[in-house]
PDB file of N, CA and C in Angstrom:
ATOM      1  N   MET A   1       0.718  -1.322  -0.036  1.00  0.00           N
ATOM      2  CA  MET A   1      -0.010   0.188   0.049  1.00  0.00           C
ATOM      3  C   MET A   1       0.622   1.048  -0.217  1.00  0.00           C
ATOM      4  N   GLY A   2       0.960   1.843  -0.759  1.00  0.00           N
ATOM      5  CA  GLY A   2       1.456   3.465  -0.906  1.00  0.00           C
ATOM      6  C   GLY A   2       1.397   4.239  -0.078  1.00  0.00           C
ATOM      7  N   THR A   3       2.142   4.838   0.433  1.00  0.00           N
ATOM      8  CA  THR A   3       2.327   5.946   1.557  1.00  0.00           C
ATOM      9  C   THR A   3       1.002   6.534   1.778  1.00  0.00           C
ATOM     10  N   VAL A   4       1.072   7.558   0.570  1.00  0.00           N
ATOM     11  CA  VAL A   4      -0.497   8.683   0.304  1.00  0.00           C
ATOM     12  C   VAL A   4      -2.124   7.784   0.754  1.00  0.00           C
ATOM     13  N   LEU A   5      -1.906   6.256   0.178  1.00  0.00           N
ATOM     14  CA  LEU A   5      -3.393   5.746   0.070  1.00  0.00           C
ATOM     15  C   LEU A   5      -3.239   5.504   1.742  1.00  0.00           C
ATOM     16  N   ARG A   6      -1.926   4.746   2.639  1.00  0.00           N
ATOM     17  CA  ARG A   6      -2.367   4.337   3.991  1.00  0.00           C
ATOM     18  C   ARG A   6      -2.299   5.388   4.888  1.00  0.00           C
ATOM     19  N   ARG A   7      -2.290   7.108   4.613  1.00  0.00           N
ATOM     20  CA  ARG A   7      -2.724   8.117   5.694  1.00  0.00           C
ATOM     21  C   ARG A   7      -3.445   8.400   4.869  1.00  0.00           C
ATOM     22  N   ARG A   8      -4.284   8.109   4.050  1.00  0.00           N
ATOM     23  CA  ARG A   8      -5.879   8.132   3.801  1.00  0.00           C
ATOM     24  C   ARG A   8      -6.831   7.511   4.550  1.00  0.00           C
ATOM     25  N   VAL A   9      -6.191   6.342   4.285  1.00  0.00           N
ATOM     26  CA  VAL A   9      -6.711   5.339   5.094  1.00  0.00           C
ATOM     27  C   VAL A   9      -6.825   4.803   6.765  1.00  0.00           C
ATOM     28  N   CYS A  10      -5.284   5.293   7.552  1.00  0.00           N
ATOM     29  CA  CYS A  10      -5.837   5.970   8.852  1.00  0.00           C
ATOM     30  C   CYS A  10      -6.320   6.648   9.238  1.00  0.00           C
ATOM     31  N   ARG A  11      -6.551   8.042   8.549  1.00  0.00           N
ATOM     32  CA  ARG A  11      -7.499   9.365   8.662  1.00  0.00           C
ATOM     33  C   ARG A  11      -8.630   8.768   8.640  1.00  0.00           C
ATOM     34  N   ASP A  12      -9.553   7.184   7.650  1.00  0.00           N
ATOM     35  CA  ASP A  12     -11.033   7.288   7.782  1.00  0.00           C
ATOM     36  C   ASP A  12     -10.884   5.950   8.735  1.00  0.00           C
ATOM     37  N   LEU A  13     -10.051   5.713   9.646  1.00  0.00           N
ATOM     38  CA  LEU A  13     -10.411   4.470  10.513  1.00  0.00           C
ATOM     39  C   LEU A  13      -9.746   5.270  11.999  1.00  0.00           C
ATOM     40  N   LEU A  14     -10.994   4.543  13.109  1.00  0.00           N
ATOM     41  CA  LEU A  14      -9.844   5.008  14.003  1.00  0.00           C
ATOM     42  C   LEU A  14     -10.450   3.870  14.710  1.00  0.00           C
ATOM     43  N   THR A  15      -9.396   4.254  15.948  1.00  0.00           N
ATOM     44  CA  THR A  15      -8.866   2.539  16.449  1.00  0.00           C
ATOM     45  C   THR A  15      -9.671   2.406  17.369  1.00  0.00           C
ATOM     46  N   THR A  16      -9.689   1.339  18.492  1.00  0.00           N
ATOM     47  CA  THR A  16     -10.681   0.652  18.942  1.00  0.00           C
ATOM     48  C   THR A  16     -10.935   2.223  20.108  1.00  0.00           C
ATOM     49  N   ARG A  17      -9.388   2.651  20.346  1.00  0.00           N
ATOM     50  CA  ARG A  17      -9.324   3.633  22.085  1.00  0.00           C
ATOM     51  C   ARG A  17     -10.388   4.452  21.227  1.00  0.00           C
ATOM     52  N   GLU A  18      -9.838   5.038  19.856  1.00  0.00           N
ATOM     53  CA  GLU A  18     -10.437   6.693  19.631  1.00  0.00           C
ATOM     54  C   GLU A  18     -12.105   6.545  19.139  1.00  0.00           C
ATOM     55  N   ALA A  19     -12.372   5.336  18.794  1.00  0.00           N
ATOM     56  CA  ALA A  19     -14.266   5.162  18.755  1.00  0.00           C
ATOM     57  C   ALA A  19     -14.412   4.825  20.180  1.00  0.00           C
ATOM     58  N   ALA A  20     -13.878   4.478  21.298  1.00  0.00           N
ATOM     59  CA  ALA A  20     -14.452   4.318  22.316  1.00  0.00           C
ATOM     60  C   ALA A  20     -14.187   5.637  22.903  1.00  0.00           C
ATOM     61  N   ASP A  21     -13.886   6.692  23.170  1.00  0.00           N
ATOM     62  CA  ASP A  21     -13.976   8.178  23.284  1.00  0.00           C
ATOM     63  C   ASP A  21     -14.594   8.346  22.853  1.00  0.00           C
ATOM     64  N   LEU A  22     -14.774   8.675  21.708  1.00  0.00           N
ATOM     65  CA  LEU A  22     -15.696   9.429  21.061  1.00  0.00           C
ATOM     66  C   LEU A  22     -17.440   9.139  21.252  1.00  0.00           C
ATOM     67  N   LEU A  23     -17.270   7.601  21.724  1.00  0.00           N
ATOM     68  CA  LEU A  23     -19.038   7.230  21.803  1.00  0.00           C
ATOM     69  C   LEU A  23     -19.217   7.390  23.332  1.00  0.00           C
ATOM     70  N   ARG A  24     -17.997   7.630  23.945  1.00  0.00           N
ATOM     71  CA  ARG A  24     -18.259   7.610  25.111  1.00  0.00           C
ATOM     72  C   ARG A  24     -18.529   6.663  26.092  1.00  0.00           C
ATOM     73  N   VAL A  25     -17.934   5.638  26.023  1.00  0.00           N
ATOM     74  CA  VAL A  25     -18.030   3.758  26.347  1.00  0.00           C
ATOM     75  C   VAL A  25     -16.326   2.944  25.985  1.00  0.00           C
ATOM     76  N   ARG A  26     -16.631   2.250  27.210  1.00  0.00           N
ATOM     77  CA  ARG A  26     -15.055   0.999  27.382  1.00  0.00           C
ATOM     78  C   ARG A  26     -14.878   0.819  26.007  1.00  0.00           C
ATOM     79  N   PRO A  27     -13.093   0.428  25.718  1.00  0.00           N
ATOM     80  CA  PRO A  27     -12.917  -0.312  24.720  1.00  0.00           C
ATOM     81  C   PRO A  27     -13.811  -2.038  24.391  1.00  0.00           C
ATOM     82  N   LEU A  28     -13.865  -2.166  25.153  1.00  0.00           N
ATOM     83  CA  LEU A  28     -14.599  -3.710  25.747  1.00  0.00           C
ATOM     84  C   LEU A  28     -15.991  -3.450  25.047  1.00  0.00           C
ATOM     85  N   THR A  29     -16.936  -2.391  25.230  1.00  0.00           N
ATOM     86  CA  THR A  29     -18.122  -2.343  24.694  1.00  0.00           C
ATOM     87  C   THR A  29     -17.913  -1.895  23.142  1.00  0.00           C
ATOM     88  N   VAL A  30     -17.097  -1.713  22.612  1.00  0.00           N
ATOM     89  CA  VAL A  30     -16.712  -0.997  20.984  1.00  0.00           C
ATOM     90  C   VAL A  30     -16.803  -2.500  20.921  1.00  0.00           C
ATOM     91  N   ALA A  31     -15.831  -3.520  21.866  1.00  0.00           N
ATOM     92  CA  ALA A  31     -15.613  -4.674  20.743  1.00  0.00           C
ATOM     93  C   ALA A  31     -16.318  -5.636  21.185  1.00  0.00           C
ATOM     94  N   LEU A  32     -17.418  -5.626  21.941  1.00  0.00           N
ATOM     95  CA  LEU A  32     -19.167  -5.811  21.763  1.00  0.00           C
ATOM     96  C   LEU A  32     -19.769  -5.889  20.529  1.00  0.00           C
ATOM     97  N   TRP A  33     -19.975  -4.728  20.604  1.00  0.00           N
ATOM     98  CA  TRP A  33     -20.827  -4.043  19.480  1.00  0.00           C
ATOM     99  C   TRP A  33     -20.027  -4.910  18.031  1.00  0.00           C
ATOM    100  N   VAL A  34     -18.465  -4.749  18.062  1.00  0.00           N
ATOM    101  CA  VAL A  34     -17.871  -5.441  16.735  1.00  0.00           C
ATOM    102  C   VAL A  34     -18.835  -6.361  16.630  1.00  0.00           C
ATOM    103  N   ARG A  35     -18.270  -7.242  17.523  1.00  0.00           N
ATOM    104  CA  ARG A  35     -18.635  -8.791  17.374  1.00  0.00           C
ATOM    105  C   ARG A  35     -20.647  -9.279  17.211  1.00  0.00           C
ATOM    106  N   ALA A  36     -21.426  -8.546  17.649  1.00  0.00           N
ATOM    107  CA  ALA A  36     -22.532  -8.157  17.576  1.00  0.00           C
ATOM    108  C   ALA A  36     -22.932  -8.077  16.425  1.00  0.00           C
ATOM    109  N   GLY A  37     -22.090  -7.172  15.378  1.00  0.00           N
ATOM    110  CA  GLY A  37     -22.317  -7.030  13.891  1.00  0.00           C
ATOM    111  C   GLY A  37     -23.190  -5.551  13.998  1.00  0.00           C
ATOM    112  N   LYS A  38     -22.779  -4.495  15.013  1.00  0.00           N
ATOM    113  CA  LYS A  38     -23.302  -3.294  15.431  1.00  0.00           C
ATOM    114  C   LYS A  38     -22.456  -2.080  14.466  1.00  0.00           C
ATOM    115  N   LEU A  39     -21.074  -2.892  14.847  1.00  0.00           N
ATOM    116  CA  LEU A  39     -19.948  -1.526  14.192  1.00  0.00           C
ATOM    117  C   LEU A  39     -18.650  -2.130  13.159  1.00  0.00           C
ATOM    118  N   PRO A  40     -18.318  -1.871  12.053  1.00  0.00           N
ATOM    119  CA  PRO A  40     -18.045  -2.703  11.452  1.00  0.00           C
ATOM    120  C   PRO A  40     -16.098  -2.694  12.311  1.00  0.00           C
ATOM    121  N   ALA A  41     -15.492  -3.303  11.483  1.00  0.00           N
ATOM    122  CA  ALA A  41     -13.713  -3.568  12.014  1.00  0.00           C
ATOM    123  C   ALA A  41     -12.936  -4.058  11.043  1.00  0.00           C
ATOM    124  N   VAL A  42     -11.887  -3.400  10.789  1.00  0.00           N
ATOM    125  CA  VAL A  42     -11.355  -4.350   9.806  1.00  0.00           C
ATOM    126  C   VAL A  42      -9.928  -4.304  10.407  1.00  0.00           C
ATOM    127  N   PRO A  43      -9.289  -5.148   9.688  1.00  0.00           N
ATOM    128  CA  PRO A  43      -7.486  -5.465  10.429  1.00  0.00           C
ATOM    129  C   PRO A  43      -6.478  -4.152  10.157  1.00  0.00           C
ATOM    130  N   MET A  44      -5.891  -3.778  11.202  1.00  0.00           N
ATOM    131  CA  MET A  44      -4.472  -2.594  10.667  1.00  0.00           C
ATOM    132  C   MET A  44      -3.814  -3.561  11.013  1.00  0.00           C
ATOM    133  N   GLY A  45      -2.283  -2.742  10.102  1.00  0.00           N
ATOM    134  CA  GLY A  45      -1.010  -3.096  10.144  1.00  0.00           C
ATOM    135  C   GLY A  45      -0.859  -3.200  11.600  1.00  0.00           C
ATOM    136  N   ASP A  46      -1.162  -2.346  12.526  1.00  0.00           N
ATOM    137  CA  ASP A  46      -0.426  -2.533  13.982  1.00  0.00           C
ATOM    138  C   ASP A  46      -1.194  -4.077  14.578  1.00  0.00           C
ATOM    139  N   GLY A  47      -2.099  -5.030  13.702  1.00  0.00           N
ATOM    140  CA  GLY A  47      -2.531  -6.148  15.110  1.00  0.00           C
ATOM    141  C   GLY A  47      -3.865  -5.984  15.305  1.00  0.00           C
ATOM    142  N   GLY A  48      -3.933  -4.278  15.337  1.00  0.00           N
ATOM    143  CA  GLY A  48      -5.021  -4.032  15.693  1.00  0.00           C
ATOM    144  C   GLY A  48      -6.633  -4.187  15.007  1.00  0.00           C
ATOM    145  N   LEU A  49      -7.718  -3.137  15.370  1.00  0.00           N
ATOM    146  CA  LEU A  49      -8.583  -2.985  14.588  1.00  0.00           C
ATOM    147  C   LEU A  49      -8.608  -1.816  14.043  1.00  0.00           C
ATOM    148  N   GLY A  50      -9.466  -1.193  13.095  1.00  0.00           N
ATOM    149  CA  GLY A  50      -9.474   0.044  12.679  1.00  0.00           C
ATOM    150  C   GLY A  50     -11.478  -0.412  12.812  1.00  0.00           C
ATOM    151  N   HIS A  51     -11.756   1.093  12.859  1.00  0.00           N
ATOM    152  CA  HIS A  51     -13.555   1.495  12.413  1.00  0.00           C
ATOM    153  C   HIS A  51     -13.869   2.796  11.946  1.00  0.00           C
ATOM    154  N   PRO A  52     -14.608   2.768  10.728  1.00  0.00           N
ATOM    155  CA  PRO A  52     -14.722   3.799  10.219  1.00  0.00           C
ATOM    156  C   PRO A  52     -15.472   4.899  10.163  1.00  0.00           C
ATOM    157  N   ARG A  53     -14.395   5.845  10.234  1.00  0.00           N
ATOM    158  CA  ARG A  53     -14.930   6.991  10.848  1.00  0.00           C
ATOM    159  C   ARG A  53     -16.378   7.645  10.836  1.00  0.00           C
ATOM    160  N   ASP A  54     -16.635   7.357   9.606  1.00  0.00           N
ATOM    161  CA  ASP A  54     -17.770   7.982   9.291  1.00  0.00           C
ATOM    162  C   ASP A  54     -18.960   7.348  10.200  1.00  0.00           C
ATOM    163  N   GLN A  55     -18.739   5.553  10.341  1.00  0.00           N
ATOM    164  CA  GLN A  55     -20.020   4.879  10.885  1.00  0.00           C
ATOM    165  C   GLN A  55     -19.864   5.198  12.191  1.00  0.00           C
ATOM    166  N   VAL A  56     -18.596   5.389  13.116  1.00  0.00           N
ATOM    167  CA  VAL A  56     -18.475   5.615  14.225  1.00  0.00           C
ATOM    168  C   VAL A  56     -19.364   7.325  14.878  1.00  0.00           C
ATOM    169  N   LEU A  57     -18.870   8.445  13.816  1.00  0.00           N
ATOM    170  CA  LEU A  57     -19.303   9.428  14.120  1.00  0.00           C
ATOM    171  C   LEU A  57     -21.339   9.371  14.047  1.00  0.00           C
ATOM    172  N   ASP A  58     -21.510   8.271  12.830  1.00  0.00           N
ATOM    173  CA  ASP A  58     -22.919   8.547  12.855  1.00  0.00           C
ATOM    174  C   ASP A  58     -23.636   7.791  13.825  1.00  0.00           C
ATOM    175  N   LEU A  59     -22.791   6.410  14.335  1.00  0.00           N
ATOM    176  CA  LEU A  59     -23.500   5.678  16.211  1.00  0.00           C
ATOM    177  C   LEU A  59     -23.098   7.420  17.003  1.00  0.00           C
ATOM    178  N   ALA A  60     -22.293   7.698  17.130  1.00  0.00           N
ATOM    179  CA  ALA A  60     -21.950   8.711  17.921  1.00  0.00           C
ATOM    180  C   ALA A  60     -23.582  10.087  17.728  1.00  0.00           C
ATOM    181  N   ALA A  61     -23.966  10.098  16.308  1.00  0.00           N
ATOM    182  CA  ALA A  61     -25.045  11.024  16.531  1.00  0.00           C
ATOM    183  C   ALA A  61     -26.053  10.477  17.300  1.00  0.00           C
ATOM    184  N   TRP A  62     -26.335   8.995  16.532  1.00  0.00           N
ATOM    185  CA  TRP A  62     -27.594   8.727  16.921  1.00  0.00           C
ATOM    186  C   TRP A  62     -27.957   8.702  18.323  1.00  0.00           C
ATOM    187  N   GLY A  63     -26.768   8.407  19.086  1.00  0.00           N
ATOM    188  CA  GLY A  63     -26.869   8.356  20.518  1.00  0.00           C
ATOM    189  C   GLY A  63     -27.038   9.330  21.469  1.00  0.00           C
ATOM    190  N   GLY A  64     -26.012  10.575  20.517  1.00  0.00           N
ATOM    191  CA  GLY A  64     -27.198  11.804  21.383  1.00  0.00           C
ATOM    192  C   GLY A  64     -28.364  11.981  21.106  1.00  0.00           C
ATOM    193  N   ALA A  65     -28.552  11.744  19.938  1.00  0.00           N
ATOM    194  CA  ALA A  65     -30.405  11.835  19.334  1.00  0.00           C
ATOM    195  C   ALA A  65     -31.305  10.903  20.154  1.00  0.00           C
ATOM    196  N   LEU A  66     -30.664   9.742  20.598  1.00  0.00           N
ATOM    197  CA  LEU A  66     -31.594   9.065  21.446  1.00  0.00           C
ATOM    198  C   LEU A  66     -31.523   9.577  22.523  1.00  0.00           C
ATOM    199  N   THR A  67     -30.598  10.139  23.182  1.00  0.00           N
ATOM    200  CA  THR A  67     -30.852  10.502  24.886  1.00  0.00           C
ATOM    201  C   THR A  67     -31.639  11.997  24.707  1.00  0.00           C
ATOM    202  N   GLU A  68     -31.669  12.535  24.040  1.00  0.00           N
ATOM    203  CA  GLU A  68     -32.317  14.004  23.993  1.00  0.00           C
ATOM    204  C   GLU A  68     -33.484  13.735  24.269  1.00  0.00           C
ATOM    205  N   ALA A  69     -33.985  12.792  23.423  1.00  0.00           N
ATOM    206  CA  ALA A  69     -35.018  11.975  23.156  1.00  0.00           C
ATOM    207  C   ALA A  69     -35.891  11.741  24.762  1.00  0.00           C
ATOM    208  N   LEU A  70     -34.903  10.736  25.104  1.00  0.00           N
ATOM    209  CA  LEU A  70     -35.312   9.959  26.470  1.00  0.00           C
ATOM    210  C   LEU A  70     -35.901  11.189  27.539  1.00  0.00           C
ATOM    211  N   THR A  71     -34.700  12.189  27.409  1.00  0.00           N
ATOM    212  CA  THR A  71     -34.567  13.451  27.947  1.00  0.00           C
ATOM    213  C   THR A  71     -36.020  14.135  27.869  1.00  0.00           C
ATOM    214  N   ALA A  72     -36.298  14.189  27.136  1.00  0.00           N
ATOM    215  CA  ALA A  72     -38.022  14.848  27.035  1.00  0.00           C
ATOM    216  C   ALA A  72     -38.939  14.386  27.496  1.00  0.00           C
ATOM    217  N   LEU A  73     -38.859  12.520  26.729  1.00  0.00           N
ATOM    218  CA  LEU A  73     -39.881  11.524  26.811  1.00  0.00           C
ATOM    219  C   LEU A  73     -40.235  11.841  29.118  1.00  0.00           C
ATOM    220  N   GLU A  74     -39.043  11.814  29.319  1.00  0.00           N
ATOM    221  CA  GLU A  74     -38.855  11.991  31.423  1.00  0.00           C
ATOM    222  C   GLU A  74     -39.983  12.941  31.044  1.00  0.00           C
ATOM    223  N   ALA A  75     -39.503  13.755  30.846  1.00  0.00           N
ATOM    224  CA  ALA A  75     -40.059  15.461  31.077  1.00  0.00           C
ATOM    225  C   ALA A  75     -41.829  15.360  30.250  1.00  0.00           C
ATOM    226  N   VAL A  76     -42.048  14.995  29.801  1.00  0.00           N
ATOM    227  CA  VAL A  76     -43.654  14.603  29.594  1.00  0.00           C
ATOM    228  C   VAL A  76     -43.960  14.191  30.229  1.00  0.00           C
ATOM    229  N   ARG A  77     -43.325  12.426  30.794  1.00  0.00           N
ATOM    230  CA  ARG A  77     -44.052  12.115  31.327  1.00  0.00           C
ATOM    231  C   ARG A  77     -43.972  12.216  32.888  1.00  0.00           C
ATOM    232  N   GLU A  78     -43.069  12.943  33.292  1.00  0.00           N
ATOM    233  CA  GLU A  78     -43.136  13.815  34.272  1.00  0.00           C
ATOM    234  C   GLU A  78     -44.042  14.887  34.465  1.00  0.00           C
ATOM    235  N   LEU A  79     -45.027  15.590  33.725  1.00  0.00           N
ATOM    236  CA  LEU A  79     -45.741  16.532  33.425  1.00  0.00           C
ATOM    237  C   LEU A  79     -47.276  15.440  33.220  1.00  0.00           C
ATOM    238  N   ALA A  80     -47.208  14.671  32.256  1.00  0.00           N
ATOM    239  CA  ALA A  80     -48.317  13.910  33.194  1.00  0.00           C
ATOM    240  C   ALA A  80     -48.985  13.911  34.055  1.00  0.00           C
ATOM    241  N   LEU A  81     -48.078  13.065  34.816  1.00  0.00           N
ATOM    242  CA  LEU A  81     -48.115  12.343  36.379  1.00  0.00           C
ATOM    243  C   LEU A  81     -48.690  13.920  36.991  1.00  0.00           C
ATOM    244  N   SER A  82     -48.071  14.937  36.778  1.00  0.00           N
ATOM    245  CA  SER A  82     -48.028  16.331  37.662  1.00  0.00           C
ATOM    246  C   SER A  82     -49.680  16.891  37.244  1.00  0.00           C
ATOM    247  N   ILE A  83     -50.142  16.178  36.119  1.00  0.00           N
ATOM    248  CA  ILE A  83     -51.560  16.649  36.093  1.00  0.00           C
ATOM    249  C   ILE A  83     -52.543  15.479  36.351  1.00  0.00           C
ATOM    250  N   GLY A  84     -51.952  14.720  37.057  1.00  0.00           N
ATOM    251  CA  GLY A  84     -52.488  13.599  37.279  1.00  0.00           C
ATOM    252  C   GLY A  84     -53.380  12.090  35.726  1.00  0.00           C
ATOM    253  N   ALA A  85     -52.548  12.350  35.396  1.00  0.00           N
ATOM    254  CA  ALA A  85     -52.953  11.431  34.018  1.00  0.00           C
ATOM    255  C   ALA A  85     -51.618  10.355  34.220  1.00  0.00           C
ATOM    256  N   GLU A  86     -52.415   9.747  35.176  1.00  0.00           N
ATOM    257  CA  GLU A  86     -51.415   8.317  35.304  1.00  0.00           C
ATOM    258  C   GLU A  86     -51.180   7.149  33.700  1.00  0.00           C
ATOM    259  N   SER A  87     -52.363   6.841  33.595  1.00  0.00           N
ATOM    260  CA  SER A  87     -52.507   6.115  32.559  1.00  0.00           C
ATOM    261  C   SER A  87     -51.084   6.392  31.122  1.00  0.00           C
ATOM    262  N   GLU A  88     -51.252   8.118  30.939  1.00  0.00           N
ATOM    263  CA  GLU A  88     -50.443   8.228  29.862  1.00  0.00           C
ATOM    264  C   GLU A  88     -49.220   8.143  30.495  1.00  0.00           C
ATOM    265  N   ALA A  89     -49.056   8.952  31.318  1.00  0.00           N
ATOM    266  CA  ALA A  89     -47.516   8.600  32.276  1.00  0.00           C
ATOM    267  C   ALA A  89     -47.324   7.177  32.069  1.00  0.00           C
ATOM    268  N   ALA A  90     -48.017   5.901  32.533  1.00  0.00           N
ATOM    269  CA  ALA A  90     -47.667   4.568  32.302  1.00  0.00           C
ATOM    270  C   ALA A  90     -47.197   4.343  30.919  1.00  0.00           C
ATOM    271  N   ASP A  91     -47.928   4.981  29.993  1.00  0.00           N
ATOM    272  CA  ASP A  91     -47.763   4.558  28.717  1.00  0.00           C
ATOM    273  C   ASP A  91     -46.435   5.148  28.245  1.00  0.00           C
ATOM    274  N   ILE A  92     -46.190   6.493  28.680  1.00  0.00           N
ATOM    275  CA  ILE A  92     -45.072   6.803  28.144  1.00  0.00           C
ATOM    276  C   ILE A  92     -43.824   6.262  28.781  1.00  0.00           C
ATOM    277  N   GLY A  93     -43.807   5.831  29.874  1.00  0.00           N
ATOM    278  CA  GLY A  93     -42.763   5.343  31.014  1.00  0.00           C
ATOM    279  C   GLY A  93     -42.718   3.844  30.010  1.00  0.00           C
ATOM    280  N   ARG A  94     -43.589   3.284  29.488  1.00  0.00           N
ATOM    281  CA  ARG A  94     -43.154   1.882  28.597  1.00  0.00           C
ATOM    282  C   ARG A  94     -42.384   2.823  27.549  1.00  0.00           C
ATOM    283  N   LEU A  95     -43.005   3.447  26.891  1.00  0.00           N
ATOM    284  CA  LEU A  95     -42.082   3.886  25.539  1.00  0.00           C
ATOM    285  C   LEU A  95     -40.250   4.365  25.800  1.00  0.00           C
ATOM    286  N   ILE A  96     -40.467   4.393  27.072  1.00  0.00           N
ATOM    287  CA  ILE A  96     -38.767   5.016  27.593  1.00  0.00           C
ATOM    288  C   ILE A  96     -38.467   3.597  27.999  1.00  0.00           C
ATOM    289  N   ASP A  97     -38.788   2.614  28.542  1.00  0.00           N
ATOM    290  CA  ASP A  97     -38.537   1.927  28.424  1.00  0.00           C
ATOM    291  C   ASP A  97     -37.531   0.991  27.526  1.00  0.00           C
ATOM    292  N   THR A  98     -38.948   0.919  26.362  1.00  0.00           N
ATOM    293  CA  THR A  98     -38.670   0.273  25.075  1.00  0.00           C
ATOM    294  C   THR A  98     -37.238   1.007  24.295  1.00  0.00           C
ATOM    295  N   LEU A  99     -37.044   2.719  24.160  1.00  0.00           N
ATOM    296  CA  LEU A  99     -36.262   2.853  23.741  1.00  0.00           C
ATOM    297  C   LEU A  99     -34.541   3.077  24.466  1.00  0.00           C
ATOM    298  N   ARG A 100     -34.532   3.030  25.539  1.00  0.00           N
ATOM    299  CA  ARG A 100     -33.609   2.626  26.848  1.00  0.00           C
ATOM    300  C   ARG A 100     -32.861   1.527  26.382  1.00  0.00           C
ATOM    301  N   PRO A 101     -31.398   1.843  26.241  1.00  0.00           N
ATOM    302  CA  PRO A 101     -30.766   0.838  25.545  1.00  0.00           C
ATOM    303  C   PRO A 101     -29.793  -0.077  26.482  1.00  0.00           C
TER     304      PRO A 101
END
């Protein structure tokens, strides 16, 4: 592999540690996601694995959006409880439980 191509590939791949830091999880979690097929990995020349930067960023964005959605749903659930809408609050609680990782 040429030097220029090698540099480009390295910029497009993150190490497991870099991916874990970006996703705010432990490297073991990244390894488990790779094993489960949730995150691709390619062998690197140093014996480690590389993870496509764009796919890690997509996963990070999805996780951020999910966190925001869960926070908003918790607020709506609390509002429903405060106005005495227990049935609706229970429905929202079940939705939160379904979405929570």
